[in-house]
Amino acid sequence: MGVSDARRLEVYEQARAQWGERPAETLMELVVPAGQDMATRSDVDAAVARIEARCAVLEERMRHVASKSFVLASHVPTYALIIGLSFR
């Protein structure tokens, strides 16, 4: 169960009274607020791996589309010649 904001404030006030404002603020920055989870290194690594995999799929799709566009574009003069000859 997470720590409520009221309890966080209580800890902050006690820390500020004992250690001063700067250390108390640092402590609050290190304590995770209620309802928030900290990502672990493995969580971040897994997310990066999923993003990289998706990027690889997109890159492959782009290469495939680009290669088809190039093939079609490279045949345009041939198509024009065939069409031109067929209407003579």
C-alpha atoms as a PDB file:
ATOM      1  CA  MET A   1       0.000   0.000   0.000  1.00  0.00           C
ATOM      2  CA  GLY A   2       1.286   3.446  -0.890  1.00  0.00           C
ATOM      3  CA  VAL A   3       1.937   6.204   1.582  1.00  0.00           C
ATOM      4  CA  SER A   4      -0.747   8.894   1.732  1.00  0.00           C
ATOM      5  CA  ASP A   5       0.062  12.522   1.017  1.00  0.00           C
ATOM      6  CA  ALA A   6      -0.712  13.394   4.639  1.00  0.00           C
ATOM      7  CA  ARG A   7       1.867  10.881   5.856  1.00  0.00           C
ATOM      8  CA  ARG A   8       4.395  12.126   3.323  1.00  0.00           C
ATOM      9  CA  LEU A   9       3.873  15.664   4.614  1.00  0.00           C
ATOM     10  CA  GLU A  10       4.320  14.456   8.195  1.00  0.00           C
ATOM     11  CA  VAL A  11       7.616  12.774   7.299  1.00  0.00           C
ATOM     12  CA  TYR A  12       8.736  15.889   5.424  1.00  0.00           C
ATOM     13  CA  GLU A  13       7.975  18.142   8.386  1.00  0.00           C
ATOM     14  CA  GLN A  14       9.794  15.833  10.806  1.00  0.00           C
ATOM     15  CA  ALA A  15      12.805  15.562   8.489  1.00  0.00           C
ATOM     16  CA  ARG A  16      12.861  19.325   7.986  1.00  0.00           C
ATOM     17  CA  ALA A  17      12.786  19.888  11.751  1.00  0.00           C
ATOM     18  CA  GLN A  18      15.629  17.418  12.323  1.00  0.00           C
ATOM     19  CA  TRP A  19      17.864  17.882   9.264  1.00  0.00           C
ATOM     20  CA  GLY A  20      16.797  21.100   7.586  1.00  0.00           C
ATOM     21  CA  GLU A  21      14.877  21.927   4.433  1.00  0.00           C
ATOM     22  CA  ARG A  22      17.310  20.693   1.766  1.00  0.00           C
ATOM     23  CA  PRO A  23      17.750  17.157   3.143  1.00  0.00           C
ATOM     24  CA  ALA A  24      13.994  16.929   3.754  1.00  0.00           C
ATOM     25  CA  GLU A  25      13.279  17.909   0.133  1.00  0.00           C
ATOM     26  CA  THR A  26      15.824  15.367  -1.092  1.00  0.00           C
ATOM     27  CA  LEU A  27      14.150  12.679   1.016  1.00  0.00           C
ATOM     28  CA  MET A  28      10.736  13.499  -0.484  1.00  0.00           C
ATOM     29  CA  GLU A  29      12.177  13.319  -4.006  1.00  0.00           C
ATOM     30  CA  LEU A  30      13.419   9.805  -3.232  1.00  0.00           C
ATOM     31  CA  VAL A  31      10.162   8.526  -1.709  1.00  0.00           C
ATOM     32  CA  VAL A  32       7.673   7.343  -4.338  1.00  0.00           C
ATOM     33  CA  PRO A  33       4.267   9.071  -4.023  1.00  0.00           C
ATOM     34  CA  ALA A  34       1.150   6.955  -3.471  1.00  0.00           C
ATOM     35  CA  GLY A  35      -0.222   5.329  -6.602  1.00  0.00           C
ATOM     36  CA  GLN A  36       3.012   5.615  -8.556  1.00  0.00           C
ATOM     37  CA  ASP A  37       5.315   2.732  -9.377  1.00  0.00           C
ATOM     38  CA  MET A  38       9.018   2.952 -10.002  1.00  0.00           C
ATOM     39  CA  ALA A  39      10.274   1.299 -13.158  1.00  0.00           C
ATOM     40  CA  THR A  40      13.130  -1.115 -12.671  1.00  0.00           C
ATOM     41  CA  ARG A  41      16.079  -1.324 -15.023  1.00  0.00           C
ATOM     42  CA  SER A  42      14.651  -4.541 -16.458  1.00  0.00           C
ATOM     43  CA  ASP A  43      11.307  -2.760 -17.080  1.00  0.00           C
ATOM     44  CA  VAL A  44      13.101  -0.067 -19.058  1.00  0.00           C
ATOM     45  CA  ASP A  45      15.222  -2.619 -20.941  1.00  0.00           C
ATOM     46  CA  ALA A  46      12.098  -4.598 -21.885  1.00  0.00           C
ATOM     47  CA  ALA A  47      10.345  -1.442 -23.104  1.00  0.00           C
ATOM     48  CA  VAL A  48      13.373  -0.476 -25.193  1.00  0.00           C
ATOM     49  CA  ALA A  49      13.500  -3.966 -26.719  1.00  0.00           C
ATOM     50  CA  ARG A  50       9.801  -3.756 -27.687  1.00  0.00           C
ATOM     51  CA  ILE A  51      10.288  -0.318 -29.252  1.00  0.00           C
ATOM     52  CA  GLU A  52      13.357  -1.491 -31.180  1.00  0.00           C
ATOM     53  CA  ALA A  53      11.439  -4.531 -32.475  1.00  0.00           C
ATOM     54  CA  ARG A  54       8.573  -2.328 -33.651  1.00  0.00           C
ATOM     55  CA  CYS A  55      11.025   0.031 -35.355  1.00  0.00           C
ATOM     56  CA  ALA A  56      12.641  -2.907 -37.148  1.00  0.00           C
ATOM     57  CA  VAL A  57       9.243  -4.052 -38.450  1.00  0.00           C
ATOM     58  CA  LEU A  58       8.416  -0.531 -39.641  1.00  0.00           C
ATOM     59  CA  GLU A  59      11.799  -0.165 -41.320  1.00  0.00           C
ATOM     60  CA  GLU A  60      11.271  -3.455 -43.166  1.00  0.00           C
ATOM     61  CA  ARG A  61       7.814  -2.343 -44.309  1.00  0.00           C
ATOM     62  CA  MET A  62       9.257   0.945 -45.543  1.00  0.00           C
ATOM     63  CA  ARG A  63      11.988  -0.895 -47.478  1.00  0.00           C
ATOM     64  CA  HIS A  64       9.375  -3.175 -49.031  1.00  0.00           C
ATOM     65  CA  VAL A  65       7.160  -0.260 -50.110  1.00  0.00           C
ATOM     66  CA  ALA A  66      10.157   1.684 -51.393  1.00  0.00           C
ATOM     67  CA  SER A  67      11.386  -1.274 -53.434  1.00  0.00           C
ATOM     68  CA  LYS A  68       7.946  -1.741 -55.017  1.00  0.00           C
ATOM     69  CA  SER A  69       7.747   1.963 -55.825  1.00  0.00           C
ATOM     70  CA  PHE A  70      11.195   1.816 -57.424  1.00  0.00           C
ATOM     71  CA  VAL A  71      10.256  -1.206 -59.531  1.00  0.00           C
ATOM     72  CA  LEU A  72       7.081   0.472 -60.755  1.00  0.00           C
ATOM     73  CA  ALA A  73       8.855   3.758 -61.435  1.00  0.00           C
ATOM     74  CA  SER A  74      11.677   2.048 -63.317  1.00  0.00           C
ATOM     75  CA  HIS A  75       9.153   0.436 -65.685  1.00  0.00           C
ATOM     76  CA  VAL A  76       7.293   3.641 -66.561  1.00  0.00           C
ATOM     77  CA  PRO A  77       9.289   4.253 -69.767  1.00  0.00           C
ATOM     78  CA  THR A  78       8.615   0.676 -70.864  1.00  0.00           C
ATOM     79  CA  TYR A  79       4.907   1.021 -70.170  1.00  0.00           C
ATOM     80  CA  ALA A  80       4.816   4.319 -72.046  1.00  0.00           C
ATOM     81  CA  LEU A  81       6.545   2.736 -75.047  1.00  0.00           C
ATOM     82  CA  ILE A  82       4.109  -0.208 -75.096  1.00  0.00           C
ATOM     83  CA  ILE A  83       1.107   2.084 -74.801  1.00  0.00           C
ATOM     84  CA  GLY A  84       2.510   4.413 -77.453  1.00  0.00           C
ATOM     85  CA  LEU A  85       3.124   1.537 -79.882  1.00  0.00           C
ATOM     86  CA  SER A  86      -0.303   0.034 -79.295  1.00  0.00           C
ATOM     87  CA  PHE A  87      -2.032   3.279 -80.342  1.00  0.00           C
ATOM     88  CA  ARG A  88      -0.117   3.683 -83.615  1.00  0.00           C
END
